[in-house]
Amino acid sequence: MQKGRAVWGSGGGLRTARLAGQGLRHSKQTSHCGELEGRVHPILLQVGPIAIRFYGLMYVAALLMGIWLLRTEAERRGLLPERMVDLAFYVFVGGLIGGRLYYVLFKWGYYGAHPWKILAVWEGGMAIHGGLIGGVIGAWWFARATGLSLGTLCDMLAPAASLGHAFGRFGNFMNGDAHGYPLHSPLLPAWLRDGPDWLGVTFPASSIAGREFGPVPLHPVMLYELVLNLLGFVWLWRWRTKPWSPGTLFGVYLMYYAVVRSFTSLFRADDLYLGPFRLPHVISGVMLCLGVWLCCAPRSRTTVSTER
């Protein structure tokens, strides 16, 4: 019987969880989600050395859907829809660079020793908070080049960001990264240890989750966040037509996602750490404060922006 398991946390600290002796119960492949083992695979199609991965495909899908949403919103606001492709490019590239740099910086102990892995984004390692920072920088650059309001652009981007994030979480699921703890792990808060067995997903041994925990049903936290981001998209898309002040809808998105990520991080086995604190909790606190400020700061209201 396995008496204990050494688990490396993303903060670099070795955590020891006595899985067998502290109530970590394994389902015997009878759970509904557990039956997905063998179907969760990072590669959709491979022809010779060329592989189409779900992870990359979800990024492409998010970009294309984002362009469509931005063009639709641009028409409603009286902006030139053709410019939205450029906006999407600025934000997408900024998000990719920011998401990867953020992750690499907080995992420098690993990437400093394996610098050739820095560009291996298909293995995972894109931090959403870094992606948001990079995306906003891209939007700022675009706003500066076009003279458009950054607040208005961020409001237009908020629904697309939430939907794109949902696509990304499906990519994480198929990749077996951004994974959760075992269903009944003692590393979970006490009130989350009694989840139903049918929630668990056993990931392939070759995945990041599989290498860390083996054939153990884990919380599919990527799917939890996928659903919550889809709900966020629906709400943001419906609310976008209200007479918000520029930047307010983006503030609502920041507050919503701060709460979502603070909750889902309780399940995450691979979070980055800042000292003893989960980094997503620290950054989510900053996002929450910024979102409140964006929603409460006095600004003139506008319903439509015009561009000629």
C-alpha atoms as a PDB file:
ATOM      1  CA  MET A   1       0.000   0.000   0.000  1.00  0.00           C
ATOM      2  CA  GLN A   2       1.226   3.482  -0.860  1.00  0.00           C
ATOM      3  CA  LYS A   3       1.714   5.309   2.412  1.00  0.00           C
ATOM      4  CA  GLY A   4       2.763   8.654   1.144  1.00  0.00           C
ATOM      5  CA  ARG A   5       3.438  10.699  -1.951  1.00  0.00           C
ATOM      6  CA  ALA A   6       5.853  13.579  -2.456  1.00  0.00           C
ATOM      7  CA  VAL A   7       4.235  16.354  -4.462  1.00  0.00           C
ATOM      8  CA  TRP A   8       6.188  19.275  -5.860  1.00  0.00           C
ATOM      9  CA  GLY A   9       4.241  22.514  -5.564  1.00  0.00           C
ATOM     10  CA  SER A  10       4.730  25.238  -8.131  1.00  0.00           C
ATOM     11  CA  GLY A  11       6.277  27.418  -5.455  1.00  0.00           C
ATOM     12  CA  GLY A  12       9.254  25.108  -5.362  1.00  0.00           C
ATOM     13  CA  GLY A  13       8.463  23.617  -1.963  1.00  0.00           C
ATOM     14  CA  LEU A  14       8.199  19.861  -1.465  1.00  0.00           C
ATOM     15  CA  ARG A  15       4.841  19.021   0.000  1.00  0.00           C
ATOM     16  CA  THR A  16       4.262  15.614   1.486  1.00  0.00           C
ATOM     17  CA  ALA A  17       0.746  14.286   1.425  1.00  0.00           C
ATOM     18  CA  ARG A  18       0.017  10.997   3.154  1.00  0.00           C
ATOM     19  CA  LEU A  19      -2.583  10.062   0.636  1.00  0.00           C
ATOM     20  CA  ALA A  20      -3.482   6.597   1.808  1.00  0.00           C
ATOM     21  CA  GLY A  21      -3.464   7.332   5.515  1.00  0.00           C
ATOM     22  CA  GLN A  22      -5.522  10.547   5.402  1.00  0.00           C
ATOM     23  CA  GLY A  23      -8.676   9.577   3.612  1.00  0.00           C
ATOM     24  CA  LEU A  24      -7.626   9.813  -0.038  1.00  0.00           C
ATOM     25  CA  ARG A  25     -10.128   7.418  -1.573  1.00  0.00           C
ATOM     26  CA  HIS A  26      -9.736   6.300  -5.162  1.00  0.00           C
ATOM     27  CA  SER A  27     -12.654   5.363  -7.343  1.00  0.00           C
ATOM     28  CA  LYS A  28     -12.141   2.088  -9.236  1.00  0.00           C
ATOM     29  CA  GLN A  29     -12.848   3.396 -12.707  1.00  0.00           C
ATOM     30  CA  THR A  30     -16.580   3.355 -11.976  1.00  0.00           C
ATOM     31  CA  SER A  31     -17.032   7.113 -11.994  1.00  0.00           C
ATOM     32  CA  HIS A  32     -18.525   8.729 -15.061  1.00  0.00           C
ATOM     33  CA  CYS A  33     -15.701  11.227 -15.591  1.00  0.00           C
ATOM     34  CA  GLY A  34     -13.054   8.665 -14.700  1.00  0.00           C
ATOM     35  CA  GLU A  35     -14.072   6.712 -17.784  1.00  0.00           C
ATOM     36  CA  LEU A  36     -12.584   9.503 -19.898  1.00  0.00           C
ATOM     37  CA  GLU A  37      -9.138   8.055 -19.277  1.00  0.00           C
ATOM     38  CA  GLY A  38      -7.680   7.148 -22.658  1.00  0.00           C
ATOM     39  CA  ARG A  39      -9.819   9.758 -24.428  1.00  0.00           C
ATOM     40  CA  VAL A  40      -8.085  12.761 -22.904  1.00  0.00           C
ATOM     41  CA  HIS A  41      -5.141  13.273 -25.220  1.00  0.00           C
ATOM     42  CA  PRO A  42      -3.283  16.442 -26.248  1.00  0.00           C
ATOM     43  CA  ILE A  43      -3.058  15.591 -29.958  1.00  0.00           C
ATOM     44  CA  LEU A  44      -6.136  15.778 -32.170  1.00  0.00           C
ATOM     45  CA  LEU A  45      -4.450  14.646 -35.389  1.00  0.00           C
ATOM     46  CA  GLN A  46      -0.938  13.638 -36.351  1.00  0.00           C
ATOM     47  CA  VAL A  47       0.460  13.105 -39.825  1.00  0.00           C
ATOM     48  CA  GLY A  48       4.092  12.061 -39.682  1.00  0.00           C
ATOM     49  CA  PRO A  49       5.989  14.628 -37.593  1.00  0.00           C
ATOM     50  CA  ILE A  50       3.170  17.180 -37.874  1.00  0.00           C
ATOM     51  CA  ALA A  51       0.777  17.198 -34.945  1.00  0.00           C
ATOM     52  CA  ILE A  52      -2.355  19.289 -34.451  1.00  0.00           C
ATOM     53  CA  ARG A  53      -2.707  19.781 -30.701  1.00  0.00           C
ATOM     54  CA  PHE A  54      -5.891  20.693 -28.897  1.00  0.00           C
ATOM     55  CA  TYR A  55      -3.972  23.313 -26.910  1.00  0.00           C
ATOM     56  CA  GLY A  56      -2.894  25.277 -29.959  1.00  0.00           C
ATOM     57  CA  LEU A  57      -6.199  24.689 -31.733  1.00  0.00           C
ATOM     58  CA  MET A  58      -8.066  26.301 -28.837  1.00  0.00           C
ATOM     59  CA  TYR A  59      -5.884  29.394 -29.123  1.00  0.00           C
ATOM     60  CA  VAL A  60      -6.706  29.663 -32.822  1.00  0.00           C
ATOM     61  CA  ALA A  61     -10.421  29.162 -32.098  1.00  0.00           C
ATOM     62  CA  ALA A  62     -10.301  31.816 -29.369  1.00  0.00           C
ATOM     63  CA  LEU A  63      -8.604  34.286 -31.738  1.00  0.00           C
ATOM     64  CA  LEU A  64     -11.108  33.740 -34.549  1.00  0.00           C
ATOM     65  CA  MET A  65     -14.109  33.944 -32.236  1.00  0.00           C
ATOM     66  CA  GLY A  66     -12.637  37.032 -30.606  1.00  0.00           C
ATOM     67  CA  ILE A  67     -12.284  38.760 -33.978  1.00  0.00           C
ATOM     68  CA  TRP A  68     -15.921  37.991 -34.791  1.00  0.00           C
ATOM     69  CA  LEU A  69     -17.127  39.324 -31.430  1.00  0.00           C
ATOM     70  CA  LEU A  70     -15.014  42.472 -31.771  1.00  0.00           C
ATOM     71  CA  ARG A  71     -16.292  43.154 -35.282  1.00  0.00           C
ATOM     72  CA  THR A  72     -19.878  42.702 -34.093  1.00  0.00           C
ATOM     73  CA  GLU A  73     -19.352  45.103 -31.213  1.00  0.00           C
ATOM     74  CA  ALA A  74     -17.481  47.583 -33.416  1.00  0.00           C
ATOM     75  CA  GLU A  75     -20.474  47.797 -35.762  1.00  0.00           C
ATOM     76  CA  ARG A  76     -22.775  48.460 -32.817  1.00  0.00           C
ATOM     77  CA  ARG A  77     -20.502  51.220 -31.539  1.00  0.00           C
ATOM     78  CA  GLY A  78     -20.002  52.857 -34.914  1.00  0.00           C
ATOM     79  CA  LEU A  79     -16.336  51.854 -35.190  1.00  0.00           C
ATOM     80  CA  LEU A  80     -14.626  50.413 -38.246  1.00  0.00           C
ATOM     81  CA  PRO A  81     -14.953  46.602 -38.044  1.00  0.00           C
ATOM     82  CA  GLU A  82     -11.859  46.171 -40.235  1.00  0.00           C
ATOM     83  CA  ARG A  83      -9.678  47.602 -37.485  1.00  0.00           C
ATOM     84  CA  MET A  84     -10.714  44.912 -35.058  1.00  0.00           C
ATOM     85  CA  VAL A  85      -8.423  42.400 -36.749  1.00  0.00           C
ATOM     86  CA  ASP A  86      -5.504  44.674 -35.895  1.00  0.00           C
ATOM     87  CA  LEU A  87      -6.760  45.079 -32.313  1.00  0.00           C
ATOM     88  CA  ALA A  88      -7.077  41.309 -31.941  1.00  0.00           C
ATOM     89  CA  PHE A  89      -3.534  40.863 -33.254  1.00  0.00           C
ATOM     90  CA  TYR A  90      -2.079  43.379 -30.782  1.00  0.00           C
ATOM     91  CA  VAL A  91      -3.938  41.824 -27.865  1.00  0.00           C
ATOM     92  CA  PHE A  92      -3.293  38.219 -28.889  1.00  0.00           C
ATOM     93  CA  VAL A  93       0.450  38.699 -29.309  1.00  0.00           C
ATOM     94  CA  GLY A  94       0.665  40.741 -26.114  1.00  0.00           C
ATOM     95  CA  GLY A  95      -1.286  38.066 -24.257  1.00  0.00           C
ATOM     96  CA  LEU A  96       0.926  35.246 -25.519  1.00  0.00           C
ATOM     97  CA  ILE A  97       4.129  37.052 -24.589  1.00  0.00           C
ATOM     98  CA  GLY A  98       2.801  38.244 -21.238  1.00  0.00           C
ATOM     99  CA  GLY A  99       1.341  34.880 -20.289  1.00  0.00           C
ATOM    100  CA  ARG A 100       4.562  33.025 -21.030  1.00  0.00           C
ATOM    101  CA  LEU A 101       6.942  35.582 -19.477  1.00  0.00           C
ATOM    102  CA  TYR A 102       4.880  35.732 -16.299  1.00  0.00           C
ATOM    103  CA  TYR A 103       4.977  31.949 -15.927  1.00  0.00           C
ATOM    104  CA  VAL A 104       8.670  31.649 -16.762  1.00  0.00           C
ATOM    105  CA  LEU A 105       9.663  34.400 -14.322  1.00  0.00           C
ATOM    106  CA  PHE A 106       7.871  32.751 -11.420  1.00  0.00           C
ATOM    107  CA  LYS A 107       9.293  29.346 -12.378  1.00  0.00           C
ATOM    108  CA  TRP A 108      12.799  30.613 -13.096  1.00  0.00           C
ATOM    109  CA  GLY A 109      14.385  27.943 -10.942  1.00  0.00           C
ATOM    110  CA  TYR A 110      13.278  25.421 -13.559  1.00  0.00           C
ATOM    111  CA  TYR A 111      13.571  27.466 -16.745  1.00  0.00           C
ATOM    112  CA  GLY A 112      16.930  28.941 -15.746  1.00  0.00           C
ATOM    113  CA  ALA A 113      18.261  25.382 -15.645  1.00  0.00           C
ATOM    114  CA  HIS A 114      16.367  24.365 -18.819  1.00  0.00           C
ATOM    115  CA  PRO A 115      16.327  27.511 -21.012  1.00  0.00           C
ATOM    116  CA  TRP A 116      15.434  25.532 -24.136  1.00  0.00           C
ATOM    117  CA  LYS A 117      12.067  24.815 -22.511  1.00  0.00           C
ATOM    118  CA  ILE A 118      11.084  28.494 -22.438  1.00  0.00           C
ATOM    119  CA  LEU A 119       9.599  28.324 -25.932  1.00  0.00           C
ATOM    120  CA  ALA A 120       7.924  24.921 -25.399  1.00  0.00           C
ATOM    121  CA  VAL A 121       4.484  26.457 -24.919  1.00  0.00           C
ATOM    122  CA  TRP A 122       2.757  23.335 -26.252  1.00  0.00           C
ATOM    123  CA  GLU A 123       3.681  21.677 -22.942  1.00  0.00           C
ATOM    124  CA  GLY A 124       1.598  24.246 -21.060  1.00  0.00           C
ATOM    125  CA  GLY A 125       2.818  27.064 -18.865  1.00  0.00           C
ATOM    126  CA  MET A 126       0.750  30.073 -19.931  1.00  0.00           C
ATOM    127  CA  ALA A 127      -0.372  32.152 -16.953  1.00  0.00           C
ATOM    128  CA  ILE A 128      -3.733  33.863 -17.441  1.00  0.00           C
ATOM    129  CA  HIS A 129      -2.835  36.816 -15.224  1.00  0.00           C
ATOM    130  CA  GLY A 130       0.277  37.483 -17.283  1.00  0.00           C
ATOM    131  CA  GLY A 131      -1.821  37.090 -20.418  1.00  0.00           C
ATOM    132  CA  LEU A 132      -4.256  39.730 -19.164  1.00  0.00           C
ATOM    133  CA  ILE A 133      -1.421  42.132 -18.412  1.00  0.00           C
ATOM    134  CA  GLY A 134       0.149  41.552 -21.819  1.00  0.00           C
ATOM    135  CA  GLY A 135      -3.225  41.840 -23.551  1.00  0.00           C
ATOM    136  CA  VAL A 136      -3.976  45.180 -21.888  1.00  0.00           C
ATOM    137  CA  ILE A 137      -0.537  46.442 -22.920  1.00  0.00           C
ATOM    138  CA  GLY A 138      -1.334  45.377 -26.488  1.00  0.00           C
ATOM    139  CA  ALA A 139      -4.689  47.193 -26.313  1.00  0.00           C
ATOM    140  CA  TRP A 140      -2.945  50.308 -24.933  1.00  0.00           C
ATOM    141  CA  TRP A 141      -0.475  50.240 -27.810  1.00  0.00           C
ATOM    142  CA  PHE A 142      -3.332  49.932 -30.297  1.00  0.00           C
ATOM    143  CA  ALA A 143      -5.264  52.738 -28.580  1.00  0.00           C
ATOM    144  CA  ARG A 144      -2.223  54.980 -28.732  1.00  0.00           C
ATOM    145  CA  ALA A 145      -1.742  54.265 -32.447  1.00  0.00           C
ATOM    146  CA  THR A 146      -5.402  54.876 -33.350  1.00  0.00           C
ATOM    147  CA  GLY A 147      -6.498  57.532 -30.856  1.00  0.00           C
ATOM    148  CA  LEU A 148      -9.321  55.343 -29.541  1.00  0.00           C
ATOM    149  CA  SER A 149     -10.260  55.181 -25.869  1.00  0.00           C
ATOM    150  CA  LEU A 150      -8.424  52.429 -23.994  1.00  0.00           C
ATOM    151  CA  GLY A 151     -11.386  52.060 -21.644  1.00  0.00           C
ATOM    152  CA  THR A 152     -13.750  51.514 -24.574  1.00  0.00           C
ATOM    153  CA  LEU A 153     -11.419  48.975 -26.171  1.00  0.00           C
ATOM    154  CA  CYS A 154     -11.081  47.055 -22.907  1.00  0.00           C
ATOM    155  CA  ASP A 155     -14.873  46.987 -22.561  1.00  0.00           C
ATOM    156  CA  MET A 156     -15.124  45.543 -26.059  1.00  0.00           C
ATOM    157  CA  LEU A 157     -12.484  42.959 -25.241  1.00  0.00           C
ATOM    158  CA  ALA A 158     -13.977  41.776 -21.929  1.00  0.00           C
ATOM    159  CA  PRO A 159     -16.568  39.303 -23.335  1.00  0.00           C
ATOM    160  CA  ALA A 160     -14.065  37.962 -25.866  1.00  0.00           C
ATOM    161  CA  ALA A 161     -11.469  37.486 -23.105  1.00  0.00           C
ATOM    162  CA  SER A 162     -13.889  35.474 -20.983  1.00  0.00           C
ATOM    163  CA  LEU A 163     -14.917  33.265 -23.924  1.00  0.00           C
ATOM    164  CA  GLY A 164     -11.337  32.844 -25.111  1.00  0.00           C
ATOM    165  CA  HIS A 165     -10.321  31.791 -21.631  1.00  0.00           C
ATOM    166  CA  ALA A 166     -13.010  29.098 -21.702  1.00  0.00           C
ATOM    167  CA  PHE A 167     -11.527  27.767 -24.961  1.00  0.00           C
ATOM    168  CA  GLY A 168      -8.099  27.778 -23.358  1.00  0.00           C
ATOM    169  CA  ARG A 169      -9.295  25.759 -20.378  1.00  0.00           C
ATOM    170  CA  PHE A 170     -10.542  23.025 -22.707  1.00  0.00           C
ATOM    171  CA  GLY A 171      -7.052  22.971 -24.191  1.00  0.00           C
ATOM    172  CA  ASN A 172      -5.648  22.596 -20.663  1.00  0.00           C
ATOM    173  CA  PHE A 173      -8.032  19.710 -20.042  1.00  0.00           C
ATOM    174  CA  MET A 174      -6.946  17.809 -23.139  1.00  0.00           C
ATOM    175  CA  ASN A 175      -3.313  18.638 -22.368  1.00  0.00           C
ATOM    176  CA  GLY A 176      -3.618  17.381 -18.787  1.00  0.00           C
ATOM    177  CA  ASP A 177      -2.174  20.554 -17.265  1.00  0.00           C
ATOM    178  CA  ALA A 178      -3.573  23.298 -15.002  1.00  0.00           C
ATOM    179  CA  HIS A 179      -4.894  20.307 -13.086  1.00  0.00           C
ATOM    180  CA  GLY A 180      -6.477  19.811  -9.711  1.00  0.00           C
ATOM    181  CA  TYR A 181      -5.661  17.779  -6.636  1.00  0.00           C
ATOM    182  CA  PRO A 182      -6.955  14.223  -6.165  1.00  0.00           C
ATOM    183  CA  LEU A 183     -10.642  14.235  -5.260  1.00  0.00           C
ATOM    184  CA  HIS A 184     -10.159  13.606  -1.546  1.00  0.00           C
ATOM    185  CA  SER A 185      -6.654  14.962  -1.097  1.00  0.00           C
ATOM    186  CA  PRO A 186      -5.713  16.302   2.341  1.00  0.00           C
ATOM    187  CA  LEU A 187      -4.143  19.238   0.498  1.00  0.00           C
ATOM    188  CA  LEU A 188      -7.649  20.474  -0.289  1.00  0.00           C
ATOM    189  CA  PRO A 189      -9.510  22.658   2.202  1.00  0.00           C
ATOM    190  CA  ALA A 190     -11.522  20.410   4.526  1.00  0.00           C
ATOM    191  CA  TRP A 191     -14.867  21.530   3.077  1.00  0.00           C
ATOM    192  CA  LEU A 192     -13.827  20.472  -0.447  1.00  0.00           C
ATOM    193  CA  ARG A 193     -12.610  16.955   0.335  1.00  0.00           C
ATOM    194  CA  ASP A 194     -15.937  15.166   0.055  1.00  0.00           C
ATOM    195  CA  GLY A 195     -16.728  15.761  -3.611  1.00  0.00           C
ATOM    196  CA  PRO A 196     -18.661  12.992  -5.399  1.00  0.00           C
ATOM    197  CA  ASP A 197     -16.491  10.328  -7.011  1.00  0.00           C
ATOM    198  CA  TRP A 198     -18.091  10.861 -10.423  1.00  0.00           C
ATOM    199  CA  LEU A 199     -16.307  14.233 -10.660  1.00  0.00           C
ATOM    200  CA  GLY A 200     -12.873  12.661 -10.856  1.00  0.00           C
ATOM    201  CA  VAL A 201     -10.871  12.396 -14.072  1.00  0.00           C
ATOM    202  CA  THR A 202      -7.855  10.121 -14.423  1.00  0.00           C
ATOM    203  CA  PHE A 203      -5.356  11.661 -16.825  1.00  0.00           C
ATOM    204  CA  PRO A 204      -2.908   9.755 -19.057  1.00  0.00           C
ATOM    205  CA  ALA A 205       0.416   8.852 -17.469  1.00  0.00           C
ATOM    206  CA  SER A 206       2.221  10.939 -20.112  1.00  0.00           C
ATOM    207  CA  SER A 207       0.420  14.156 -19.124  1.00  0.00           C
ATOM    208  CA  ILE A 208       1.663  16.621 -16.511  1.00  0.00           C
ATOM    209  CA  ALA A 209      -1.188  15.621 -14.207  1.00  0.00           C
ATOM    210  CA  GLY A 210      -0.520  11.940 -14.770  1.00  0.00           C
ATOM    211  CA  ARG A 211       3.191  12.296 -14.065  1.00  0.00           C
ATOM    212  CA  GLU A 212       2.501  14.096 -10.805  1.00  0.00           C
ATOM    213  CA  PHE A 213      -0.272  11.935  -9.381  1.00  0.00           C
ATOM    214  CA  GLY A 214      -0.387   8.736 -11.421  1.00  0.00           C
ATOM    215  CA  PRO A 215      -3.652   6.829 -12.061  1.00  0.00           C
ATOM    216  CA  VAL A 216      -5.644   8.795  -9.500  1.00  0.00           C
ATOM    217  CA  PRO A 217      -8.956  10.611 -10.197  1.00  0.00           C
ATOM    218  CA  LEU A 218      -8.318  14.351  -9.978  1.00  0.00           C
ATOM    219  CA  HIS A 219     -10.553  17.382  -9.794  1.00  0.00           C
ATOM    220  CA  PRO A 220     -11.008  18.541 -13.429  1.00  0.00           C
ATOM    221  CA  VAL A 221     -10.586  22.128 -12.298  1.00  0.00           C
ATOM    222  CA  MET A 222     -10.049  23.225 -15.895  1.00  0.00           C
ATOM    223  CA  LEU A 223     -13.652  22.270 -16.620  1.00  0.00           C
ATOM    224  CA  TYR A 224     -14.906  24.083 -13.526  1.00  0.00           C
ATOM    225  CA  GLU A 225     -13.264  27.248 -14.779  1.00  0.00           C
ATOM    226  CA  LEU A 226     -14.423  26.619 -18.345  1.00  0.00           C
ATOM    227  CA  VAL A 227     -18.067  26.620 -17.205  1.00  0.00           C
ATOM    228  CA  LEU A 228     -17.616  29.696 -15.015  1.00  0.00           C
ATOM    229  CA  ASN A 229     -15.929  31.587 -17.854  1.00  0.00           C
ATOM    230  CA  LEU A 230     -18.754  30.673 -20.217  1.00  0.00           C
ATOM    231  CA  LEU A 231     -21.237  32.062 -17.700  1.00  0.00           C
ATOM    232  CA  GLY A 232     -19.121  35.196 -17.437  1.00  0.00           C
ATOM    233  CA  PHE A 233     -19.144  35.573 -21.214  1.00  0.00           C
ATOM    234  CA  VAL A 234     -22.939  35.300 -21.375  1.00  0.00           C
ATOM    235  CA  TRP A 235     -23.391  37.947 -18.685  1.00  0.00           C
ATOM    236  CA  LEU A 236     -20.808  40.320 -20.139  1.00  0.00           C
ATOM    237  CA  TRP A 237     -22.209  39.988 -23.659  1.00  0.00           C
ATOM    238  CA  ARG A 238     -25.714  40.787 -22.422  1.00  0.00           C
ATOM    239  CA  TRP A 239     -24.565  43.693 -20.256  1.00  0.00           C
ATOM    240  CA  ARG A 240     -22.354  45.321 -22.890  1.00  0.00           C
ATOM    241  CA  THR A 241     -25.270  47.342 -24.311  1.00  0.00           C
ATOM    242  CA  LYS A 242     -25.911  49.184 -21.036  1.00  0.00           C
ATOM    243  CA  PRO A 243     -24.737  52.818 -20.867  1.00  0.00           C
ATOM    244  CA  TRP A 244     -21.517  52.043 -19.029  1.00  0.00           C
ATOM    245  CA  SER A 245     -18.758  54.577 -18.555  1.00  0.00           C
ATOM    246  CA  PRO A 246     -15.648  53.546 -20.536  1.00  0.00           C
ATOM    247  CA  GLY A 247     -13.758  50.873 -18.627  1.00  0.00           C
ATOM    248  CA  THR A 248     -16.667  49.854 -16.378  1.00  0.00           C
ATOM    249  CA  LEU A 249     -17.526  46.601 -18.137  1.00  0.00           C
ATOM    250  CA  PHE A 250     -13.871  45.632 -18.062  1.00  0.00           C
ATOM    251  CA  GLY A 251     -13.903  46.364 -14.335  1.00  0.00           C
ATOM    252  CA  VAL A 252     -16.863  44.007 -13.935  1.00  0.00           C
ATOM    253  CA  TYR A 253     -14.903  41.338 -15.790  1.00  0.00           C
ATOM    254  CA  LEU A 254     -11.863  41.834 -13.544  1.00  0.00           C
ATOM    255  CA  MET A 255     -13.978  41.500 -10.404  1.00  0.00           C
ATOM    256  CA  TYR A 256     -15.805  38.452 -11.714  1.00  0.00           C
ATOM    257  CA  TYR A 257     -12.678  36.624 -12.767  1.00  0.00           C
ATOM    258  CA  ALA A 258     -10.903  37.532  -9.525  1.00  0.00           C
ATOM    259  CA  VAL A 259     -13.643  35.698  -7.632  1.00  0.00           C
ATOM    260  CA  VAL A 260     -13.671  32.780 -10.091  1.00  0.00           C
ATOM    261  CA  ARG A 261      -9.920  32.252  -9.949  1.00  0.00           C
ATOM    262  CA  SER A 262      -9.758  32.660  -6.190  1.00  0.00           C
ATOM    263  CA  PHE A 263     -12.277  29.819  -5.929  1.00  0.00           C
ATOM    264  CA  THR A 264     -10.834  27.479  -8.552  1.00  0.00           C
ATOM    265  CA  SER A 265      -7.311  27.932  -7.189  1.00  0.00           C
ATOM    266  CA  LEU A 266      -8.422  26.077  -4.087  1.00  0.00           C
ATOM    267  CA  PHE A 267      -8.514  22.952  -6.282  1.00  0.00           C
ATOM    268  CA  ARG A 268      -5.328  23.645  -8.257  1.00  0.00           C
ATOM    269  CA  ALA A 269      -2.283  21.448  -7.685  1.00  0.00           C
ATOM    270  CA  ASP A 270       0.058  23.488  -9.895  1.00  0.00           C
ATOM    271  CA  ASP A 271      -0.462  27.092  -8.813  1.00  0.00           C
ATOM    272  CA  LEU A 272       2.475  29.464  -8.718  1.00  0.00           C
ATOM    273  CA  TYR A 273       3.414  30.745  -5.271  1.00  0.00           C
ATOM    274  CA  LEU A 274       4.682  34.020  -3.877  1.00  0.00           C
ATOM    275  CA  GLY A 275       6.253  33.007  -0.599  1.00  0.00           C
ATOM    276  CA  PRO A 276       3.578  31.149   1.376  1.00  0.00           C
ATOM    277  CA  PHE A 277       0.727  32.586  -0.700  1.00  0.00           C
ATOM    278  CA  ARG A 278      -0.829  31.310  -3.884  1.00  0.00           C
ATOM    279  CA  LEU A 279       0.097  33.872  -6.518  1.00  0.00           C
ATOM    280  CA  PRO A 280      -3.381  33.768  -8.162  1.00  0.00           C
ATOM    281  CA  HIS A 281      -4.911  34.789  -4.827  1.00  0.00           C
ATOM    282  CA  VAL A 282      -2.523  37.734  -4.528  1.00  0.00           C
ATOM    283  CA  ILE A 283      -3.101  38.897  -8.103  1.00  0.00           C
ATOM    284  CA  SER A 284      -6.846  38.307  -7.844  1.00  0.00           C
ATOM    285  CA  GLY A 285      -6.903  40.649  -4.856  1.00  0.00           C
ATOM    286  CA  VAL A 286      -5.230  43.314  -6.993  1.00  0.00           C
ATOM    287  CA  MET A 287      -7.684  42.644  -9.833  1.00  0.00           C
ATOM    288  CA  LEU A 288     -10.632  42.951  -7.480  1.00  0.00           C
ATOM    289  CA  CYS A 289      -9.445  46.335  -6.209  1.00  0.00           C
ATOM    290  CA  LEU A 290      -8.759  47.559  -9.742  1.00  0.00           C
ATOM    291  CA  GLY A 291     -12.176  46.354 -10.896  1.00  0.00           C
ATOM    292  CA  VAL A 292     -13.911  48.200  -8.043  1.00  0.00           C
ATOM    293  CA  TRP A 293     -11.980  51.354  -8.921  1.00  0.00           C
ATOM    294  CA  LEU A 294     -12.898  51.089 -12.614  1.00  0.00           C
ATOM    295  CA  CYS A 295     -16.566  50.651 -11.715  1.00  0.00           C
ATOM    296  CA  CYS A 296     -16.681  53.445  -9.130  1.00  0.00           C
ATOM    297  CA  ALA A 297     -14.331  56.099 -10.512  1.00  0.00           C
ATOM    298  CA  PRO A 298     -16.323  59.079 -11.851  1.00  0.00           C
ATOM    299  CA  ARG A 299     -16.256  59.212 -15.642  1.00  0.00           C
ATOM    300  CA  SER A 300     -18.646  60.423 -18.301  1.00  0.00           C
ATOM    301  CA  ARG A 301     -20.992  57.800 -19.637  1.00  0.00           C
ATOM    302  CA  THR A 302     -21.165  56.855 -23.285  1.00  0.00           C
ATOM    303  CA  THR A 303     -23.257  54.434 -25.287  1.00  0.00           C
ATOM    304  CA  VAL A 304     -21.589  54.606 -28.695  1.00  0.00           C
ATOM    305  CA  SER A 305     -18.135  55.635 -29.828  1.00  0.00           C
ATOM    306  CA  THR A 306     -17.769  56.968 -33.352  1.00  0.00           C
ATOM    307  CA  GLU A 307     -14.851  56.725 -35.745  1.00  0.00           C
ATOM    308  CA  ARG A 308     -14.532  58.016 -39.225  1.00  0.00           C
END
